[in-house]
Full PDB file with SEQRES, HELIX, SHEET, SSBOND, CRYST1, ORIGX, SCALE, CONECT and MASTER records, all heavy atoms in Angstrom:
SEQRES   1 A   35  LEU SER THR ARG THR ILE ALA LYS ILE GLY LYS GLY GLU          
SEQRES   2 A   35  LYS LEU SER ASN ARG SER LEU ILE LYS ILE ALA GLU TYR          
SEQRES   3 A   35  LEU GLY VAL LYS PRO GLU LEU LEU MET                          
HELIX    1 AA1 THR A    3  LYS A   11  1                                   9    
HELIX    2 AA2 ASN A   17  LEU A   27  1                                  11    
HELIX    3 AA3 PRO A   31  LEU A   33  5                                   3    
CRYST1    1.000    1.000    1.000  90.00  90.00  90.00 P 1           1          
ORIGX1      1.000000  0.000000  0.000000        0.00000                         
ORIGX2      0.000000  1.000000  0.000000        0.00000                         
ORIGX3      0.000000  0.000000  1.000000        0.00000                         
SCALE1      1.000000  0.000000  0.000000        0.00000                         
SCALE2      0.000000  1.000000  0.000000        0.00000                         
SCALE3      0.000000  0.000000  1.000000        0.00000                         
ATOM      1  N   LEU A   1     132.959  -5.900-142.146  1.00  0.00           N  
ATOM      2  CA  LEU A   1     132.463  -6.733-141.047  1.00  0.00           C  
ATOM      3  C   LEU A   1     130.958  -6.566-140.924  1.00  0.00           C  
ATOM      4  O   LEU A   1     130.426  -5.471-141.115  1.00  0.00           O  
ATOM      5  CB  LEU A   1     133.125  -6.327-139.724  1.00  0.00           C  
ATOM      6  CG  LEU A   1     134.644  -6.464-139.656  1.00  0.00           C  
ATOM      7  CD1 LEU A   1     135.166  -5.864-138.353  1.00  0.00           C  
ATOM      8  CD2 LEU A   1     135.059  -7.912-139.778  1.00  0.00           C  
ATOM      9  N   SER A   2     130.282  -7.635-140.566  1.00  0.00           N  
ATOM     10  CA  SER A   2     128.833  -7.579-140.421  1.00  0.00           C  
ATOM     11  C   SER A   2     128.451  -6.837-139.136  1.00  0.00           C  
ATOM     12  O   SER A   2     129.258  -6.701-138.210  1.00  0.00           O  
ATOM     13  CB  SER A   2     128.253  -8.998-140.370  1.00  0.00           C  
ATOM     14  OG  SER A   2     128.617  -9.629-139.160  1.00  0.00           O  
ATOM     15  N   THR A   3     127.208  -6.389-139.107  1.00  0.00           N  
ATOM     16  CA  THR A   3     126.718  -5.732-137.887  1.00  0.00           C  
ATOM     17  C   THR A   3     126.691  -6.734-136.737  1.00  0.00           C  
ATOM     18  O   THR A   3     126.857  -6.359-135.583  1.00  0.00           O  
ATOM     19  CB  THR A   3     125.314  -5.133-138.099  1.00  0.00           C  
ATOM     20  OG1 THR A   3     124.434  -6.154-138.573  1.00  0.00           O  
ATOM     21  CG2 THR A   3     125.356  -3.998-139.100  1.00  0.00           C  
ATOM     22  N   ARG A   4     126.506  -7.997-137.054  1.00  0.00           N  
ATOM     23  CA  ARG A   4     126.514  -9.047-136.024  1.00  0.00           C  
ATOM     24  C   ARG A   4     127.901  -9.140-135.380  1.00  0.00           C  
ATOM     25  O   ARG A   4     128.024  -9.291-134.169  1.00  0.00           O  
ATOM     26  CB  ARG A   4     126.120 -10.396-136.641  1.00  0.00           C  
ATOM     27  CG  ARG A   4     126.244 -11.578-135.717  1.00  0.00           C  
ATOM     28  CD  ARG A   4     125.185 -11.539-134.622  1.00  0.00           C  
ATOM     29  NE  ARG A   4     125.398 -12.647-133.714  1.00  0.00           N  
ATOM     30  CZ  ARG A   4     125.516 -12.517-132.396  1.00  0.00           C  
ATOM     31  NH1 ARG A   4     125.419 -11.348-131.831  1.00  0.00           N  
ATOM     32  NH2 ARG A   4     125.719 -13.567-131.645  1.00  0.00           N  
ATOM     33  N   THR A   5     128.945  -9.046-136.165  1.00  0.00           N  
ATOM     34  CA  THR A   5     130.311  -9.093-135.632  1.00  0.00           C  
ATOM     35  C   THR A   5     130.550  -7.908-134.706  1.00  0.00           C  
ATOM     36  O   THR A   5     131.101  -8.068-133.615  1.00  0.00           O  
ATOM     37  CB  THR A   5     131.345  -9.103-136.773  1.00  0.00           C  
ATOM     38  OG1 THR A   5     131.147 -10.279-137.560  1.00  0.00           O  
ATOM     39  CG2 THR A   5     132.767  -9.084-136.253  1.00  0.00           C  
ATOM     40  N   ILE A   6     130.116  -6.730-135.101  1.00  0.00           N  
ATOM     41  CA  ILE A   6     130.276  -5.539-134.269  1.00  0.00           C  
ATOM     42  C   ILE A   6     129.453  -5.681-132.989  1.00  0.00           C  
ATOM     43  O   ILE A   6     129.895  -5.299-131.903  1.00  0.00           O  
ATOM     44  CB  ILE A   6     129.883  -4.270-135.058  1.00  0.00           C  
ATOM     45  CG1 ILE A   6     130.787  -4.095-136.284  1.00  0.00           C  
ATOM     46  CG2 ILE A   6     129.940  -3.035-134.161  1.00  0.00           C  
ATOM     47  CD1 ILE A   6     132.275  -4.023-135.993  1.00  0.00           C  
ATOM     48  N   ALA A   7     128.259  -6.257-133.098  1.00  0.00           N  
ATOM     49  CA  ALA A   7     127.409  -6.477-131.923  1.00  0.00           C  
ATOM     50  C   ALA A   7     128.082  -7.425-130.935  1.00  0.00           C  
ATOM     51  O   ALA A   7     127.968  -7.251-129.718  1.00  0.00           O  
ATOM     52  CB  ALA A   7     126.047  -7.016-132.342  1.00  0.00           C  
ATOM     53  N   LYS A   8     128.791  -8.433-131.448  1.00  0.00           N  
ATOM     54  CA  LYS A   8     129.498  -9.377-130.575  1.00  0.00           C  
ATOM     55  C   LYS A   8     130.530  -8.651-129.712  1.00  0.00           C  
ATOM     56  O   LYS A   8     130.718  -8.992-128.548  1.00  0.00           O  
ATOM     57  CB  LYS A   8     130.208 -10.459-131.399  1.00  0.00           C  
ATOM     58  CG  LYS A   8     129.305 -11.528-131.917  1.00  0.00           C  
ATOM     59  CD  LYS A   8     130.126 -12.583-132.657  1.00  0.00           C  
ATOM     60  CE  LYS A   8     129.281 -13.752-133.064  1.00  0.00           C  
ATOM     61  NZ  LYS A   8     130.082 -14.818-133.657  1.00  0.00           N  
ATOM     62  N   ILE A   9     131.181  -7.666-130.278  1.00  0.00           N  
ATOM     63  CA  ILE A   9     132.171  -6.891-129.523  1.00  0.00           C  
ATOM     64  C   ILE A   9     131.482  -6.206-128.353  1.00  0.00           C  
ATOM     65  O   ILE A   9     131.945  -6.266-127.214  1.00  0.00           O  
ATOM     66  CB  ILE A   9     132.882  -5.867-130.431  1.00  0.00           C  
ATOM     67  CG1 ILE A   9     133.714  -6.594-131.488  1.00  0.00           C  
ATOM     68  CG2 ILE A   9     133.745  -4.918-129.607  1.00  0.00           C  
ATOM     69  CD1 ILE A   9     134.224  -5.706-132.611  1.00  0.00           C  
ATOM     70  N   GLY A  10     130.346  -5.565-128.622  1.00  0.00           N  
ATOM     71  CA  GLY A  10     129.604  -4.870-127.581  1.00  0.00           C  
ATOM     72  C   GLY A  10     129.059  -5.787-126.507  1.00  0.00           C  
ATOM     73  O   GLY A  10     128.949  -5.395-125.344  1.00  0.00           O  
ATOM     74  N   LYS A  11     128.745  -7.031-126.873  1.00  0.00           N  
ATOM     75  CA  LYS A  11     128.171  -7.991-125.927  1.00  0.00           C  
ATOM     76  C   LYS A  11     129.223  -8.833-125.217  1.00  0.00           C  
ATOM     77  O   LYS A  11     128.894  -9.645-124.364  1.00  0.00           O  
ATOM     78  CB  LYS A  11     127.206  -8.925-126.654  1.00  0.00           C  
ATOM     79  CG  LYS A  11     125.968  -8.231-127.163  1.00  0.00           C  
ATOM     80  CD  LYS A  11     125.080  -9.223-127.893  1.00  0.00           C  
ATOM     81  CE  LYS A  11     123.836  -8.562-128.429  1.00  0.00           C  
ATOM     82  NZ  LYS A  11     122.978  -9.512-129.149  1.00  0.00           N  
ATOM     83  N   GLY A  12     130.484  -8.677-125.609  1.00  0.00           N  
ATOM     84  CA  GLY A  12     131.540  -9.478-124.991  1.00  0.00           C  
ATOM     85  C   GLY A  12     131.541 -10.926-125.438  1.00  0.00           C  
ATOM     86  O   GLY A  12     131.959 -11.811-124.706  1.00  0.00           O  
ATOM     87  N   GLU A  13     131.077 -11.157-126.664  1.00  0.00           N  
ATOM     88  CA  GLU A  13     131.077 -12.503-127.229  1.00  0.00           C  
ATOM     89  C   GLU A  13     132.342 -12.701-128.050  1.00  0.00           C  
ATOM     90  O   GLU A  13     132.918 -11.749-128.567  1.00  0.00           O  
ATOM     91  CB  GLU A  13     129.843 -12.710-128.110  1.00  0.00           C  
ATOM     92  CG  GLU A  13     128.544 -12.629-127.345  1.00  0.00           C  
ATOM     93  CD  GLU A  13     127.317 -12.744-128.243  1.00  0.00           C  
ATOM     94  OE1 GLU A  13     127.459 -13.031-129.453  1.00  0.00           O  
ATOM     95  OE2 GLU A  13     126.211 -12.523-127.732  1.00  0.00           O  
ATOM     96  N   LYS A  14     132.741 -13.937-128.181  1.00  0.00           N  
ATOM     97  CA  LYS A  14     133.983 -14.249-128.894  1.00  0.00           C  
ATOM     98  C   LYS A  14     133.828 -14.045-130.401  1.00  0.00           C  
ATOM     99  O   LYS A  14     132.871 -14.503-131.006  1.00  0.00           O  
ATOM    100  CB  LYS A  14     134.402 -15.686-128.605  1.00  0.00           C  
ATOM    101  CG  LYS A  14     135.762 -16.007-129.150  1.00  0.00           C  
ATOM    102  CD  LYS A  14     136.284 -17.317-128.649  1.00  0.00           C  
ATOM    103  CE  LYS A  14     137.666 -17.505-129.236  1.00  0.00           C  
ATOM    104  NZ  LYS A  14     138.421 -18.496-128.565  1.00  0.00           N  
ATOM    105  N   LEU A  15     134.807 -13.358-130.981  1.00  0.00           N  
ATOM    106  CA  LEU A  15     134.867 -13.183-132.431  1.00  0.00           C  
ATOM    107  C   LEU A  15     135.587 -14.368-133.053  1.00  0.00           C  
ATOM    108  O   LEU A  15     136.391 -15.029-132.395  1.00  0.00           O  
ATOM    109  CB  LEU A  15     135.642 -11.916-132.790  1.00  0.00           C  
ATOM    110  CG  LEU A  15     135.069 -10.580-132.360  1.00  0.00           C  
ATOM    111  CD1 LEU A  15     135.993  -9.455-132.816  1.00  0.00           C  
ATOM    112  CD2 LEU A  15     133.681 -10.374-132.910  1.00  0.00           C  
ATOM    113  N   SER A  16     135.342 -14.591-134.313  1.00  0.00           N  
ATOM    114  CA  SER A  16     136.085 -15.634-135.018  1.00  0.00           C  
ATOM    115  C   SER A  16     137.547 -15.190-135.118  1.00  0.00           C  
ATOM    116  O   SER A  16     137.847 -13.991-135.117  1.00  0.00           O  
ATOM    117  CB  SER A  16     135.516 -15.856-136.421  1.00  0.00           C  
ATOM    118  OG  SER A  16     135.813 -14.744-137.248  1.00  0.00           O  
ATOM    119  N   ASN A  17     138.430 -16.147-135.197  1.00  0.00           N  
ATOM    120  CA  ASN A  17     139.856 -15.827-135.339  1.00  0.00           C  
ATOM    121  C   ASN A  17     140.096 -15.012-136.601  1.00  0.00           C  
ATOM    122  O   ASN A  17     140.916 -14.100-136.610  1.00  0.00           O  
ATOM    123  CB  ASN A  17     140.699 -17.106-135.366  1.00  0.00           C  
ATOM    124  CG  ASN A  17     140.829 -17.732-134.008  1.00  0.00           C  
ATOM    125  OD1 ASN A  17     140.665 -17.071-132.986  1.00  0.00           O  
ATOM    126  ND2 ASN A  17     141.108 -19.023-133.980  1.00  0.00           N  
ATOM    127  N   ARG A  18     139.372 -15.334-137.659  1.00  0.00           N  
ATOM    128  CA  ARG A  18     139.518 -14.620-138.922  1.00  0.00           C  
ATOM    129  C   ARG A  18     139.193 -13.135-138.751  1.00  0.00           C  
ATOM    130  O   ARG A  18     139.946 -12.261-139.200  1.00  0.00           O  
ATOM    131  CB  ARG A  18     138.616 -15.250-139.979  1.00  0.00           C  
ATOM    132  CG  ARG A  18     138.904 -14.746-141.369  1.00  0.00           C  
ATOM    133  CD  ARG A  18     138.016 -15.402-142.396  1.00  0.00           C  
ATOM    134  NE  ARG A  18     137.215 -14.315-142.940  1.00  0.00           N  
ATOM    135  CZ  ARG A  18     135.962 -14.400-143.313  1.00  0.00           C  
ATOM    136  NH1 ARG A  18     135.330 -15.522-143.229  1.00  0.00           N  
ATOM    137  NH2 ARG A  18     135.332 -13.357-143.784  1.00  0.00           N  
ATOM    138  N   SER A  19     138.083 -12.842-138.081  1.00  0.00           N  
ATOM    139  CA  SER A  19     137.690 -11.441-137.855  1.00  0.00           C  
ATOM    140  C   SER A  19     138.693 -10.730-136.962  1.00  0.00           C  
ATOM    141  O   SER A  19     139.076  -9.585-137.232  1.00  0.00           O  
ATOM    142  CB  SER A  19     136.300 -11.372-137.222  1.00  0.00           C  
ATOM    143  OG  SER A  19     135.313 -11.823-138.107  1.00  0.00           O  
ATOM    144  N   LEU A  20     139.121 -11.404-135.911  1.00  0.00           N  
ATOM    145  CA  LEU A  20     140.064 -10.795-134.975  1.00  0.00           C  
ATOM    146  C   LEU A  20     141.396 -10.471-135.658  1.00  0.00           C  
ATOM    147  O   LEU A  20     141.949  -9.387-135.483  1.00  0.00           O  
ATOM    148  CB  LEU A  20     140.293 -11.722-133.777  1.00  0.00           C  
ATOM    149  CG  LEU A  20     141.036 -11.121-132.614  1.00  0.00           C  
ATOM    150  CD1 LEU A  20     140.278  -9.942-132.015  1.00  0.00           C  
ATOM    151  CD2 LEU A  20     141.270 -12.168-131.550  1.00  0.00           C  
ATOM    152  N   ILE A  21     141.881 -11.391-136.478  1.00  0.00           N  
ATOM    153  CA  ILE A  21     143.135 -11.178-137.204  1.00  0.00           C  
ATOM    154  C   ILE A  21     142.977 -10.036-138.213  1.00  0.00           C  
ATOM    155  O   ILE A  21     143.862  -9.195-138.358  1.00  0.00           O  
ATOM    156  CB  ILE A  21     143.603 -12.482-137.882  1.00  0.00           C  
ATOM    157  CG1 ILE A  21     144.067 -13.482-136.809  1.00  0.00           C  
ATOM    158  CG2 ILE A  21     144.696 -12.214-138.901  1.00  0.00           C  
ATOM    159  CD1 ILE A  21     144.284 -14.887-137.313  1.00  0.00           C  
ATOM    160  N   LYS A  22     141.849  -9.996-138.881  1.00  0.00           N  
ATOM    161  CA  LYS A  22     141.569  -8.937-139.852  1.00  0.00           C  
ATOM    162  C   LYS A  22     141.598  -7.565-139.173  1.00  0.00           C  
ATOM    163  O   LYS A  22     142.193  -6.620-139.678  1.00  0.00           O  
ATOM    164  CB  LYS A  22     140.189  -9.203-140.474  1.00  0.00           C  
ATOM    165  CG  LYS A  22     139.873  -8.423-141.694  1.00  0.00           C  
ATOM    166  CD  LYS A  22     138.513  -8.908-142.229  1.00  0.00           C  
ATOM    167  CE  LYS A  22     138.264  -8.431-143.622  1.00  0.00           C  
ATOM    168  NZ  LYS A  22     136.974  -8.899-144.150  1.00  0.00           N  
ATOM    169  N   ILE A  23     140.961  -7.473-138.009  1.00  0.00           N  
ATOM    170  CA  ILE A  23     140.933  -6.210-137.260  1.00  0.00           C  
ATOM    171  C   ILE A  23     142.333  -5.846-136.784  1.00  0.00           C  
ATOM    172  O   ILE A  23     142.763  -4.697-136.906  1.00  0.00           O  
ATOM    173  CB  ILE A  23     139.959  -6.309-136.062  1.00  0.00           C  
ATOM    174  CG1 ILE A  23     138.515  -6.466-136.557  1.00  0.00           C  
ATOM    175  CG2 ILE A  23     140.093  -5.093-135.155  1.00  0.00           C  
ATOM    176  CD1 ILE A  23     137.523  -6.852-135.473  1.00  0.00           C  
ATOM    177  N   ALA A  24     143.058  -6.834-136.262  1.00  0.00           N  
ATOM    178  CA  ALA A  24     144.417  -6.584-135.753  1.00  0.00           C  
ATOM    179  C   ALA A  24     145.335  -6.087-136.859  1.00  0.00           C  
ATOM    180  O   ALA A  24     146.100  -5.140-136.659  1.00  0.00           O  
ATOM    181  CB  ALA A  24     144.975  -7.862-135.118  1.00  0.00           C  
ATOM    182  N   GLU A  25     145.263  -6.704-138.022  1.00  0.00           N  
ATOM    183  CA  GLU A  25     146.094  -6.268-139.147  1.00  0.00           C  
ATOM    184  C   GLU A  25     145.745  -4.842-139.558  1.00  0.00           C  
ATOM    185  O   GLU A  25     146.633  -4.036-139.840  1.00  0.00           O  
ATOM    186  CB  GLU A  25     145.932  -7.228-140.329  1.00  0.00           C  
ATOM    187  CG  GLU A  25     146.622  -8.559-140.102  1.00  0.00           C  
ATOM    188  CD  GLU A  25     146.372  -9.564-141.224  1.00  0.00           C  
ATOM    189  OE1 GLU A  25     145.538  -9.297-142.122  1.00  0.00           O  
ATOM    190  OE2 GLU A  25     147.001 -10.634-141.190  1.00  0.00           O  
ATOM    191  N   TYR A  26     144.467  -4.533-139.592  1.00  0.00           N  
ATOM    192  CA  TYR A  26     144.023  -3.189-139.968  1.00  0.00           C  
ATOM    193  C   TYR A  26     144.546  -2.136-138.981  1.00  0.00           C  
ATOM    194  O   TYR A  26     144.974  -1.057-139.376  1.00  0.00           O  
ATOM    195  CB  TYR A  26     142.492  -3.160-140.023  1.00  0.00           C  
ATOM    196  CG  TYR A  26     141.916  -1.805-140.345  1.00  0.00           C  
ATOM    197  CD1 TYR A  26     141.948  -1.304-141.647  1.00  0.00           C  
ATOM    198  CD2 TYR A  26     141.329  -1.025-139.353  1.00  0.00           C  
ATOM    199  CE1 TYR A  26     141.414  -0.057-141.944  1.00  0.00           C  
ATOM    200  CE2 TYR A  26     140.790   0.222-139.647  1.00  0.00           C  
ATOM    201  CZ  TYR A  26     140.833   0.697-140.943  1.00  0.00           C  
ATOM    202  OH  TYR A  26     140.300   1.930-141.236  1.00  0.00           O  
ATOM    203  N   LEU A  27     144.524  -2.489-137.686  1.00  0.00           N  
ATOM    204  CA  LEU A  27     144.975  -1.555-136.648  1.00  0.00           C  
ATOM    205  C   LEU A  27     146.486  -1.602-136.425  1.00  0.00           C  
ATOM    206  O   LEU A  27     147.033  -0.763-135.712  1.00  0.00           O  
ATOM    207  CB  LEU A  27     144.239  -1.846-135.334  1.00  0.00           C  
ATOM    208  CG  LEU A  27     142.727  -1.621-135.356  1.00  0.00           C  
ATOM    209  CD1 LEU A  27     142.103  -2.111-134.062  1.00  0.00           C  
ATOM    210  CD2 LEU A  27     142.410  -0.157-135.605  1.00  0.00           C  
ATOM    211  N   GLY A  28     147.150  -2.601-137.012  1.00  0.00           N  
ATOM    212  CA  GLY A  28     148.598  -2.726-136.869  1.00  0.00           C  
ATOM    213  C   GLY A  28     149.037  -3.186-135.492  1.00  0.00           C  
ATOM    214  O   GLY A  28     150.070  -2.752-134.977  1.00  0.00           O  
ATOM    215  N   VAL A  29     148.233  -4.074-134.887  1.00  0.00           N  
ATOM    216  CA  VAL A  29     148.567  -4.608-133.560  1.00  0.00           C  
ATOM    217  C   VAL A  29     148.427  -6.126-133.578  1.00  0.00           C  
ATOM    218  O   VAL A  29     147.873  -6.698-134.520  1.00  0.00           O  
ATOM    219  CB  VAL A  29     147.657  -4.010-132.451  1.00  0.00           C  
ATOM    220  CG1 VAL A  29     147.828  -2.504-132.352  1.00  0.00           C  
ATOM    221  CG2 VAL A  29     146.204  -4.377-132.671  1.00  0.00           C  
ATOM    222  N   LYS A  30     148.902  -6.757-132.522  1.00  0.00           N  
ATOM    223  CA  LYS A  30     148.748  -8.205-132.399  1.00  0.00           C  
ATOM    224  C   LYS A  30     147.332  -8.530-131.919  1.00  0.00           C  
ATOM    225  O   LYS A  30     146.785  -7.812-131.081  1.00  0.00           O  
ATOM    226  CB  LYS A  30     149.760  -8.756-131.390  1.00  0.00           C  
ATOM    227  CG  LYS A  30     151.184  -8.629-131.863  1.00  0.00           C  
ATOM    228  CD  LYS A  30     152.127  -9.216-130.854  1.00  0.00           C  
ATOM    229  CE  LYS A  30     153.558  -9.068-131.353  1.00  0.00           C  
ATOM    230  NZ  LYS A  30     154.513  -9.673-130.442  1.00  0.00           N  
ATOM    231  N   PRO A  31     146.741  -9.604-132.438  1.00  0.00           N  
ATOM    232  CA  PRO A  31     145.368  -9.959-132.054  1.00  0.00           C  
ATOM    233  C   PRO A  31     145.176 -10.121-130.547  1.00  0.00           C  
ATOM    234  O   PRO A  31     144.150  -9.715-130.010  1.00  0.00           O  
ATOM    235  CB  PRO A  31     145.121 -11.289-132.775  1.00  0.00           C  
ATOM    236  CG  PRO A  31     146.080 -11.305-133.905  1.00  0.00           C  
ATOM    237  CD  PRO A  31     147.274 -10.509-133.447  1.00  0.00           C  
ATOM    238  N   GLU A  32     146.170 -10.676-129.869  1.00  0.00           N  
ATOM    239  CA  GLU A  32     146.020 -10.918-128.428  1.00  0.00           C  
ATOM    240  C   GLU A  32     145.952  -9.626-127.610  1.00  0.00           C  
ATOM    241  O   GLU A  32     145.533  -9.643-126.459  1.00  0.00           O  
ATOM    242  CB  GLU A  32     147.122 -11.843-127.893  1.00  0.00           C  
ATOM    243  CG  GLU A  32     148.525 -11.377-128.145  1.00  0.00           C  
ATOM    244  CD  GLU A  32     149.134 -11.879-129.445  1.00  0.00           C  
ATOM    245  OE1 GLU A  32     148.411 -12.371-130.322  1.00  0.00           O  
ATOM    246  OE2 GLU A  32     150.367 -11.764-129.578  1.00  0.00           O  
ATOM    247  N   LEU A  33     146.336  -8.512-128.212  1.00  0.00           N  
ATOM    248  CA  LEU A  33     146.245  -7.227-127.510  1.00  0.00           C  
ATOM    249  C   LEU A  33     144.835  -6.640-127.576  1.00  0.00           C  
ATOM    250  O   LEU A  33     144.516  -5.726-126.820  1.00  0.00           O  
ATOM    251  CB  LEU A  33     147.237  -6.218-128.097  1.00  0.00           C  
ATOM    252  CG  LEU A  33     148.713  -6.570-127.947  1.00  0.00           C  
ATOM    253  CD1 LEU A  33     149.577  -5.523-128.621  1.00  0.00           C  
ATOM    254  CD2 LEU A  33     149.087  -6.705-126.489  1.00  0.00           C  
ATOM    255  N   LEU A  34     144.000  -7.156-128.452  1.00  0.00           N  
ATOM    256  CA  LEU A  34     142.671  -6.600-128.646  1.00  0.00           C  
ATOM    257  C   LEU A  34     141.626  -7.159-127.692  1.00  0.00           C  
ATOM    258  O   LEU A  34     140.631  -6.511-127.416  1.00  0.00           O  
ATOM    259  CB  LEU A  34     142.207  -6.836-130.084  1.00  0.00           C  
ATOM    260  CG  LEU A  34     143.072  -6.196-131.170  1.00  0.00           C  
ATOM    261  CD1 LEU A  34     142.514  -6.534-132.538  1.00  0.00           C  
ATOM    262  CD2 LEU A  34     143.167  -4.700-130.967  1.00  0.00           C  
ATOM    263  N   MET A  35     141.823  -8.359-127.208  1.00  0.00           N  
ATOM    264  CA  MET A  35     140.821  -8.997-126.369  1.00  0.00           C  
ATOM    265  C   MET A  35     141.464  -9.821-125.268  1.00  0.00           C  
ATOM    266  O   MET A  35     142.625 -10.200-125.368  1.00  0.00           O  
ATOM    267  CB  MET A  35     139.920  -9.898-127.197  1.00  0.00           C  
ATOM    268  CG  MET A  35     140.666 -11.029-127.893  1.00  0.00           C  
ATOM    269  SD  MET A  35     139.587 -12.259-128.595  1.00  0.00           S  
ATOM    270  CE  MET A  35     139.525 -13.445-127.283  1.00  0.00           C  
TER     271      MET A  35                                                      
MASTER        0    0    0    3    0    0    0    6  270    1    0    3          
END                                                                             
Protein backbone atom coordinates (compact mmCIF):
# COMPACT_ATOMS: atom_id res chain seq x y z
CA LEU A 1 0.00 0.00 0.00
CA SER A 2 1.19 3.51 -0.74
CA THR A 3 2.00 6.00 1.99
CA ARG A 4 -0.91 8.05 0.63
CA THR A 5 -3.31 5.17 1.36
CA ILE A 6 -1.99 4.89 4.92
CA ALA A 7 -2.28 8.68 5.32
CA LYS A 8 -5.95 8.48 4.26
CA ILE A 9 -6.61 6.14 7.18
CA GLY A 10 -5.10 8.65 9.60
CA LYS A 11 -7.08 11.54 8.09
CA GLY A 12 -10.40 9.69 8.01
CA GLU A 13 -10.61 9.78 4.23
CA LYS A 14 -12.32 7.05 2.24
CA LEU A 15 -10.14 4.24 0.92
CA SER A 16 -10.77 2.62 -2.42
CA ASN A 17 -12.83 -0.56 -2.26
CA ARG A 18 -9.85 -2.45 -3.67
CA SER A 19 -7.57 -1.31 -0.83
CA LEU A 20 -10.20 -1.96 1.82
CA ILE A 21 -10.87 -5.48 0.52
CA LYS A 22 -7.13 -6.19 0.33
CA ILE A 23 -6.67 -5.11 3.96
CA ALA A 24 -9.73 -7.08 5.11
CA GLU A 25 -8.53 -10.26 3.42
CA TYR A 26 -5.07 -9.86 4.95
CA LEU A 27 -6.58 -9.40 8.43
CA GLY A 28 -9.18 -12.13 7.90
CA VAL A 29 -12.19 -9.90 8.57
CA LYS A 30 -15.08 -8.44 6.60
CA PRO A 31 -14.40 -5.02 5.03
CA GLU A 32 -17.43 -3.44 6.70
CA LEU A 33 -15.92 -4.19 10.12
CA LEU A 34 -12.88 -2.04 9.39
CA MET A 35 -14.56 1.30 8.76
